[in-house]
Amino acid sequence: MSKKVLLATRPLVPPWDEASKNFAYFLGREVKNHALTLLTTKTALEGLPETVTEKPLFPSGHFNLRAKWNLFQYLRKVRDTFDITHYLFTPTKQNTSLIRKFALPRKGKTIQTIATLRDDLYSADDICSMLFADALVTYTKKTKGKLEALGFHNVHTIYPGIDLQRFRPQEKSETLLSQFDITKEQFIVMYPGEYVRLGATDMITDALISFFSQNPETDIRFVFACRVKNEADKKKKEEVRKRLLDANVLGYITFSDTVSDMGALYNTADVIIFPVTDLHGKFDVPLVIIEAYACAKPVILSSLPAFEEFSNEHICVTIPKGSSEELIKSIAELKQNVALRTRISDEARRYAETYFDLHQTAKEYEAIYDAL
């Protein structure tokens, strides 16, 4: 039987360059056996089935204080409306306390998708107080195990699916190559991470200065594909640029901010790197990794325990955390060894097709909707 389902999210509006809203939009597009309501702006979304209702709740795509207040007020208003309320934002002490006290549905069931647990910030008691739904969905089996150890029994793991048609192997984008001032023949290495969070920027900068200073004739070019999200990011980007300029290697590096077509961005690279030292504030499964896999790109990861569930020697290259020397060595090996690069790329694509197909993810969520 079809049920009325509300996806409680941040504003769903293009560009599709942010993991949480991307996932909610694509889930809304793929679930067809239930009547979903998506929270949007006045910008109508494309490609949605007739079963979806768009509620233009937000004035813009910014999830600021006003937007959060709009969301809370709406959740309070529709407590008797939906068969299922599905929360897709990261739970915090504040937002869950407000919902439980003032906006918890009076009818119907609830689901919380927990993209990241943030047990680096919260105690076990805090986490228990923040998770209230009839069904809890984690991105990884590791997080599911943590919740079960805390006494939760209503936990499911569903990997966050991606659109494998949108993220597929393609030719390098001529538009982006022109924007980056890089030729198709040059070997492009890309970091689609963050400047301040994740702890990789300084190590990457050290590696770039060392490599390009010693190899001035190289045809390798590097792209910092990092969005500037706040003043701290802006300051860090300027600091990195100055270090590269002072070392006389800035000509090998390009800085990119927001790119609306992330598939084109990944496909413009020959190698993607994500050698981060922590995932604080990121999803348990950083979708940049999976999207790069799906585009058949060899990915270099750091040896974080959090990556073990979706990495192995067949689908990526893993280096010791914080090692600029191993980063340079791995990039050089992938550049020189075309057979290795091709094998890893092909295996990565197959892995994404097997475990992160959005169609399968939608079916698994529909099964939970059916069961509640």
Protein backbone atom coordinates (compact mmCIF):
# COMPACT_ATOMS: atom_id res chain seq x y z
CA MET A 1 0.00 0.00 0.00
CA SER A 2 1.30 3.42 -0.94
CA LYS A 3 2.18 5.65 2.02
CA LYS A 4 2.63 9.39 2.35
CA VAL A 5 6.30 10.01 3.19
CA LEU A 6 7.91 13.32 4.11
CA LEU A 7 11.65 13.67 3.51
CA ALA A 8 12.75 16.15 6.20
CA THR A 9 15.83 17.81 4.74
CA ARG A 10 17.72 20.99 4.05
CA PRO A 11 16.51 22.92 0.94
CA LEU A 12 16.63 20.69 -2.13
CA VAL A 13 17.82 22.94 -4.93
CA PRO A 14 20.57 22.80 -7.60
CA PRO A 15 23.50 22.74 -7.97
CA TRP A 16 23.80 19.11 -6.93
CA ASP A 17 27.22 19.46 -5.31
CA GLU A 18 26.45 18.68 -1.67
CA ALA A 19 26.10 15.11 -0.48
CA SER A 20 23.06 15.27 1.80
CA LYS A 21 20.76 17.19 -0.54
CA ASN A 22 22.00 15.16 -3.54
CA PHE A 23 21.03 11.94 -1.80
CA ALA A 24 17.58 13.21 -0.79
CA TYR A 25 16.83 14.47 -4.30
CA PHE A 26 17.93 11.26 -5.99
CA LEU A 27 16.01 9.17 -3.44
CA GLY A 28 12.92 11.24 -4.15
CA ARG A 29 13.43 10.67 -7.86
CA GLU A 30 13.78 6.90 -7.56
CA VAL A 31 11.13 5.92 -4.98
CA LYS A 32 7.93 5.44 -6.98
CA ASN A 33 5.77 3.10 -4.87
CA HIS A 34 5.08 5.72 -2.20
CA ALA A 35 3.97 9.37 -2.30
CA LEU A 36 6.99 11.44 -1.26
CA THR A 37 7.02 15.11 -0.31
CA LEU A 38 10.28 17.00 -0.91
CA LEU A 39 11.13 20.32 0.76
CA THR A 40 12.27 22.77 -1.89
CA THR A 41 12.39 26.43 -2.95
CA LYS A 42 10.44 28.14 -5.72
CA THR A 43 12.84 26.47 -8.18
CA ALA A 44 10.99 23.43 -9.54
CA LEU A 45 13.04 20.24 -9.60
CA GLU A 46 13.45 18.23 -12.78
CA GLY A 47 13.04 14.51 -13.33
CA LEU A 48 10.69 13.74 -10.45
CA PRO A 49 7.92 11.13 -10.81
CA GLU A 50 4.25 12.10 -10.53
CA THR A 51 4.14 10.52 -7.07
CA VAL A 52 6.33 13.34 -5.68
CA THR A 53 4.96 16.57 -4.21
CA GLU A 54 7.28 19.58 -3.94
CA LYS A 55 6.74 21.83 -0.94
CA PRO A 56 8.47 25.22 -1.60
CA LEU A 57 9.24 25.78 2.06
CA PHE A 58 12.50 27.67 1.82
CA PRO A 59 13.27 31.14 0.38
CA SER A 60 16.66 30.00 -0.95
CA GLY A 61 19.11 27.13 -0.96
CA HIS A 62 20.91 28.41 2.15
CA PHE A 63 20.26 26.31 5.26
CA ASN A 64 20.59 29.27 7.59
CA LEU A 65 18.78 30.07 10.84
CA ARG A 66 15.66 31.23 9.01
CA ALA A 67 15.57 28.06 6.94
CA LYS A 68 15.96 25.89 10.03
CA TRP A 69 13.12 27.78 11.71
CA ASN A 70 10.93 27.25 8.61
CA LEU A 71 11.69 23.54 8.73
CA PHE A 72 10.89 23.26 12.44
CA GLN A 73 7.62 25.16 12.05
CA TYR A 74 6.58 22.96 9.13
CA LEU A 75 7.40 19.74 10.99
CA ARG A 76 5.27 20.98 13.88
CA LYS A 77 2.41 21.89 11.55
CA VAL A 78 2.24 18.52 9.76
CA ARG A 79 2.47 16.22 12.76
CA ASP A 80 -0.83 14.54 11.75
CA THR A 81 -0.28 14.54 7.98
CA PHE A 82 2.22 11.86 6.94
CA ASP A 83 2.34 8.10 7.34
CA ILE A 84 6.14 8.28 7.60
CA THR A 85 8.46 11.16 8.43
CA HIS A 86 11.98 10.41 7.23
CA TYR A 87 14.67 12.63 8.74
CA LEU A 88 17.70 12.98 6.47
CA PHE A 89 19.69 15.61 8.36
CA THR A 90 22.46 14.83 10.83
CA PRO A 91 20.99 14.57 14.34
CA THR A 92 22.28 17.02 16.95
CA LYS A 93 21.32 17.53 20.58
CA GLN A 94 19.51 20.74 19.66
CA ASN A 95 17.52 19.66 16.63
CA THR A 96 16.44 16.32 18.08
CA SER A 97 15.45 17.91 21.38
CA LEU A 98 13.24 20.44 19.59
CA ILE A 99 11.64 17.76 17.44
CA ARG A 100 10.97 15.42 20.35
CA LYS A 101 9.46 18.16 22.51
CA PHE A 102 7.51 20.16 19.95
CA ALA A 103 7.36 18.55 16.49
CA LEU A 104 7.32 14.77 16.85
CA PRO A 105 4.59 13.26 14.63
CA ARG A 106 1.40 12.42 16.52
CA LYS A 107 0.55 9.78 13.91
CA GLY A 108 2.62 7.67 11.57
CA LYS A 109 6.11 6.26 11.89
CA THR A 110 9.56 7.81 11.80
CA ILE A 111 12.94 7.02 10.23
CA GLN A 112 16.30 8.62 10.90
CA THR A 113 19.06 8.17 8.34
CA ILE A 114 22.33 8.63 10.20
CA ALA A 115 24.98 9.61 7.69
CA THR A 116 27.52 10.14 10.46
CA LEU A 117 27.32 9.38 14.17
CA ARG A 118 29.70 12.09 15.44
CA ASP A 119 30.84 10.00 18.37
CA ASP A 120 33.86 12.31 18.41
CA LEU A 121 31.52 15.03 19.75
CA TYR A 122 28.84 13.18 21.68
CA SER A 123 28.83 10.73 24.57
CA ALA A 124 26.97 7.43 24.46
CA ASP A 125 24.16 8.99 26.53
CA ASP A 126 23.95 11.92 24.12
CA ILE A 127 23.69 9.60 21.14
CA CYS A 128 20.97 7.55 22.79
CA SER A 129 18.97 10.71 23.47
CA MET A 130 19.29 11.90 19.86
CA LEU A 131 18.03 8.74 18.17
CA PHE A 132 14.27 8.36 18.58
CA ALA A 133 12.87 6.97 15.33
CA ASP A 134 11.03 3.73 14.75
CA ALA A 135 13.74 2.74 12.26
CA LEU A 136 17.37 3.85 12.19
CA VAL A 137 19.39 3.62 8.97
CA THR A 138 23.18 3.87 8.92
CA TYR A 139 25.52 4.32 5.97
CA THR A 140 27.93 1.62 7.19
CA LYS A 141 27.87 -1.69 9.04
CA LYS A 142 30.49 -0.26 11.37
CA THR A 143 28.11 2.44 12.59
CA LYS A 144 25.29 -0.09 12.82
CA GLY A 145 27.49 -2.16 15.13
CA LYS A 146 28.14 0.87 17.33
CA LEU A 147 24.42 1.54 17.70
CA GLU A 148 23.63 -2.08 18.46
CA ALA A 149 26.33 -2.00 21.14
CA LEU A 150 24.43 0.93 22.68
CA GLY A 151 21.28 -1.18 22.84
CA PHE A 152 19.45 -0.21 19.64
CA HIS A 153 17.76 -3.08 17.80
CA ASN A 154 15.87 -1.24 15.06
CA VAL A 155 18.98 -0.55 12.96
CA HIS A 156 19.48 -1.14 9.24
CA THR A 157 22.46 -0.45 6.98
CA ILE A 158 21.77 0.91 3.50
CA TYR A 159 24.70 2.16 1.47
CA PRO A 160 24.04 5.61 -0.02
CA GLY A 161 23.38 4.94 -3.67
CA ILE A 162 24.45 7.25 -6.47
CA ASP A 163 23.18 7.84 -9.99
CA LEU A 164 25.40 5.54 -12.03
CA GLN A 165 24.29 7.16 -15.27
CA ARG A 166 25.27 10.62 -14.03
CA PHE A 167 28.52 9.30 -12.60
CA ARG A 168 30.00 7.16 -15.36
CA PRO A 169 33.24 7.15 -17.38
CA GLN A 170 33.33 9.97 -19.94
CA GLU A 171 35.86 11.97 -21.91
CA LYS A 172 37.60 14.90 -20.24
CA SER A 173 35.46 18.04 -20.27
CA GLU A 174 36.75 20.56 -22.80
CA THR A 175 34.97 23.31 -20.86
CA LEU A 176 36.71 22.44 -17.60
CA LEU A 177 40.07 21.93 -19.31
CA SER A 178 39.78 25.43 -20.72
CA GLN A 179 38.70 26.79 -17.36
CA PHE A 180 41.66 25.11 -15.67
CA ASP A 181 44.07 26.12 -18.47
CA ILE A 182 45.17 22.49 -18.79
CA THR A 183 45.49 20.40 -21.96
CA LYS A 184 43.86 17.04 -22.51
CA GLU A 185 47.30 15.43 -22.86
CA GLN A 186 48.51 16.54 -19.44
CA PHE A 187 48.12 14.16 -16.49
CA ILE A 188 45.61 15.65 -14.06
CA VAL A 189 45.54 14.85 -10.34
CA MET A 190 42.59 16.20 -8.38
CA TYR A 191 41.68 16.64 -4.70
CA PRO A 192 37.88 17.06 -4.28
CA GLY A 193 38.06 17.64 -0.54
CA GLU A 194 38.06 20.60 1.82
CA TYR A 195 40.63 23.23 2.74
CA VAL A 196 40.23 23.31 6.53
CA ARG A 197 38.44 20.15 7.61
CA LEU A 198 39.80 16.63 7.01
CA GLY A 199 43.45 17.48 7.71
CA ALA A 200 44.88 16.87 4.24
CA THR A 201 45.62 20.31 2.81
CA ASP A 202 49.02 20.97 4.39
CA MET A 203 50.33 17.51 3.55
CA ILE A 204 49.15 17.81 -0.05
CA THR A 205 50.76 21.24 -0.34
CA ASP A 206 54.05 19.88 1.02
CA ALA A 207 53.90 17.07 -1.55
CA LEU A 208 53.19 19.45 -4.44
CA ILE A 209 56.05 21.79 -3.53
CA SER A 210 58.46 18.89 -3.19
CA PHE A 211 57.45 17.15 -6.41
CA PHE A 212 57.18 20.12 -8.76
CA SER A 213 60.38 21.71 -7.44
CA GLN A 214 62.28 18.53 -8.28
CA ASN A 215 60.44 17.80 -11.56
CA PRO A 216 60.01 21.08 -13.43
CA GLU A 217 59.53 19.36 -16.82
CA THR A 218 56.64 17.14 -15.69
CA ASP A 219 53.33 17.10 -17.51
CA ILE A 220 51.42 16.47 -14.26
CA ARG A 221 48.97 19.17 -13.25
CA PHE A 222 47.07 19.43 -9.96
CA VAL A 223 43.56 20.71 -9.21
CA PHE A 224 42.33 21.74 -5.76
CA ALA A 225 38.62 21.05 -6.41
CA CYS A 226 37.52 22.36 -3.02
CA ARG A 227 34.54 24.61 -2.35
CA VAL A 228 35.14 27.66 -0.17
CA LYS A 229 32.40 27.21 2.41
CA ASN A 230 33.35 29.85 4.95
CA GLU A 231 35.93 32.46 5.93
CA ALA A 232 38.30 29.83 7.31
CA ASP A 233 38.32 28.02 3.96
CA LYS A 234 38.97 31.31 2.15
CA LYS A 235 41.91 32.08 4.43
CA LYS A 236 43.36 28.58 4.02
CA LYS A 237 43.07 28.72 0.24
CA GLU A 238 44.96 32.03 0.18
CA GLU A 239 47.62 30.56 2.48
CA VAL A 240 48.08 27.56 0.18
CA ARG A 241 48.27 29.77 -2.90
CA LYS A 242 50.96 31.94 -1.25
CA ARG A 243 53.03 28.91 -0.26
CA LEU A 244 52.90 27.58 -3.82
CA LEU A 245 53.73 31.01 -5.26
CA ASP A 246 56.69 31.47 -2.92
CA ALA A 247 57.96 28.02 -3.96
CA ASN A 248 57.66 28.94 -7.68
CA VAL A 249 55.30 26.02 -8.42
CA LEU A 250 51.93 27.80 -8.62
CA GLY A 251 51.88 27.42 -12.41
CA TYR A 252 51.32 23.67 -12.02
CA ILE A 253 48.25 24.12 -9.79
CA THR A 254 44.65 25.16 -10.48
CA PHE A 255 41.99 26.08 -7.92
CA SER A 256 38.37 25.25 -8.64
CA ASP A 257 35.39 26.20 -6.49
CA THR A 258 31.77 25.16 -7.16
CA VAL A 259 31.26 22.96 -10.23
CA SER A 260 27.66 22.08 -11.03
CA ASP A 261 28.49 18.90 -12.98
CA MET A 262 30.48 16.79 -10.55
CA GLY A 263 30.59 13.87 -12.97
CA ALA A 264 32.37 16.07 -15.52
CA LEU A 265 34.75 17.24 -12.81
CA TYR A 266 35.82 13.72 -11.82
CA ASN A 267 36.14 12.64 -15.44
CA THR A 268 38.49 15.51 -16.20
CA ALA A 269 40.99 13.96 -13.76
CA ASP A 270 43.31 11.02 -14.38
CA VAL A 271 43.71 10.32 -10.66
CA ILE A 272 41.60 11.39 -7.68
CA ILE A 273 43.24 11.73 -4.27
CA PHE A 274 41.52 11.80 -0.88
CA PRO A 275 44.39 11.36 1.62
CA VAL A 276 42.54 12.81 4.61
CA THR A 277 43.55 12.32 8.24
CA ASP A 278 40.07 12.38 9.77
CA LEU A 279 36.41 12.45 8.73
CA HIS A 280 35.08 14.74 11.46
CA GLY A 281 31.95 16.37 10.10
CA LYS A 282 31.86 14.21 6.96
CA PHE A 283 29.53 11.34 6.16
CA ASP A 284 30.65 7.83 7.11
CA VAL A 285 30.86 7.16 3.36
CA PRO A 286 32.28 10.27 1.65
CA LEU A 287 30.42 10.19 -1.64
CA VAL A 288 33.30 11.83 -3.50
CA ILE A 289 35.07 8.47 -3.20
CA ILE A 290 32.14 6.44 -4.51
CA GLU A 291 31.38 8.92 -7.28
CA ALA A 292 35.02 8.77 -8.39
CA TYR A 293 34.86 4.96 -8.35
CA ALA A 294 31.73 5.14 -10.52
CA CYS A 295 33.56 7.37 -13.01
CA ALA A 296 36.25 4.66 -13.21
CA LYS A 297 38.92 6.84 -11.66
CA PRO A 298 41.80 5.40 -9.62
CA VAL A 299 41.53 6.86 -6.12
CA ILE A 300 44.32 7.28 -3.58
CA LEU A 301 43.05 7.04 0.00
CA SER A 302 44.73 7.28 3.38
CA SER A 303 44.75 4.32 5.75
CA LEU A 304 41.79 5.31 7.92
CA PRO A 305 39.81 2.55 9.66
CA ALA A 306 36.64 4.33 8.48
CA PHE A 307 37.58 3.54 4.87
CA GLU A 308 38.06 -0.20 5.35
CA GLU A 309 34.43 -1.08 4.58
CA PHE A 310 34.58 0.39 1.06
CA SER A 311 38.21 0.13 0.02
CA ASN A 312 40.59 -2.67 -0.93
CA GLU A 313 43.70 -3.18 -3.05
CA HIS A 314 41.63 -4.03 -6.13
CA ILE A 315 39.61 -0.79 -6.30
CA CYS A 316 41.93 1.90 -4.91
CA VAL A 317 45.41 2.71 -3.63
CA THR A 318 45.87 3.16 0.12
CA ILE A 319 48.78 5.08 1.61
CA PRO A 320 49.84 5.69 5.24
CA LYS A 321 48.01 8.58 6.82
CA GLY A 322 49.88 11.87 6.51
CA SER A 323 52.62 10.61 4.19
CA SER A 324 53.45 13.12 1.46
CA GLU A 325 56.24 10.82 0.25
CA GLU A 326 53.87 7.90 -0.32
CA LEU A 327 51.37 10.21 -2.00
CA ILE A 328 53.98 11.31 -4.55
CA LYS A 329 55.15 7.73 -5.03
CA SER A 330 51.59 6.44 -5.64
CA ILE A 331 50.75 9.21 -8.11
CA ALA A 332 53.96 8.49 -10.04
CA GLU A 333 53.25 4.74 -10.10
CA LEU A 334 49.71 5.23 -11.39
CA LYS A 335 50.96 7.61 -14.08
CA GLN A 336 53.67 5.23 -15.29
CA ASN A 337 51.75 1.96 -14.97
CA VAL A 338 48.85 2.26 -17.37
CA ALA A 339 47.82 -1.37 -16.88
CA LEU A 340 47.56 -0.90 -13.12
CA ARG A 341 45.62 2.31 -13.56
CA THR A 342 43.20 0.65 -15.97
CA ARG A 343 42.68 -2.40 -13.77
CA ILE A 344 41.94 -0.36 -10.65
CA SER A 345 39.61 1.95 -12.61
CA ASP A 346 37.60 -0.93 -14.07
CA GLU A 347 37.33 -2.70 -10.71
CA ALA A 348 36.26 0.53 -9.00
CA ARG A 349 33.43 1.03 -11.50
CA ARG A 350 32.23 -2.55 -11.00
CA TYR A 351 32.36 -2.08 -7.22
CA ALA A 352 30.19 1.03 -7.42
CA GLU A 353 27.72 -0.78 -9.65
CA THR A 354 27.51 -3.68 -7.20
CA TYR A 355 27.19 -1.84 -3.90
CA PHE A 356 26.16 1.78 -4.56
CA ASP A 357 23.50 1.65 -7.26
CA LEU A 358 20.81 4.21 -6.43
CA HIS A 359 18.07 1.92 -7.80
CA GLN A 360 19.00 -0.73 -5.23
CA THR A 361 19.20 1.86 -2.45
CA ALA A 362 15.68 3.06 -3.31
CA LYS A 363 14.36 -0.51 -3.20
CA GLU A 364 15.85 -1.02 0.25
CA TYR A 365 14.27 2.18 1.57
CA GLU A 366 10.94 1.21 0.01
CA ALA A 367 11.15 -2.10 1.86
CA ILE A 368 11.49 -0.21 5.16
CA TYR A 369 8.60 2.10 4.22
CA ASP A 370 6.51 -1.00 3.43
CA ALA A 371 7.35 -2.62 6.76
CA LEU A 372 6.58 0.35 9.00
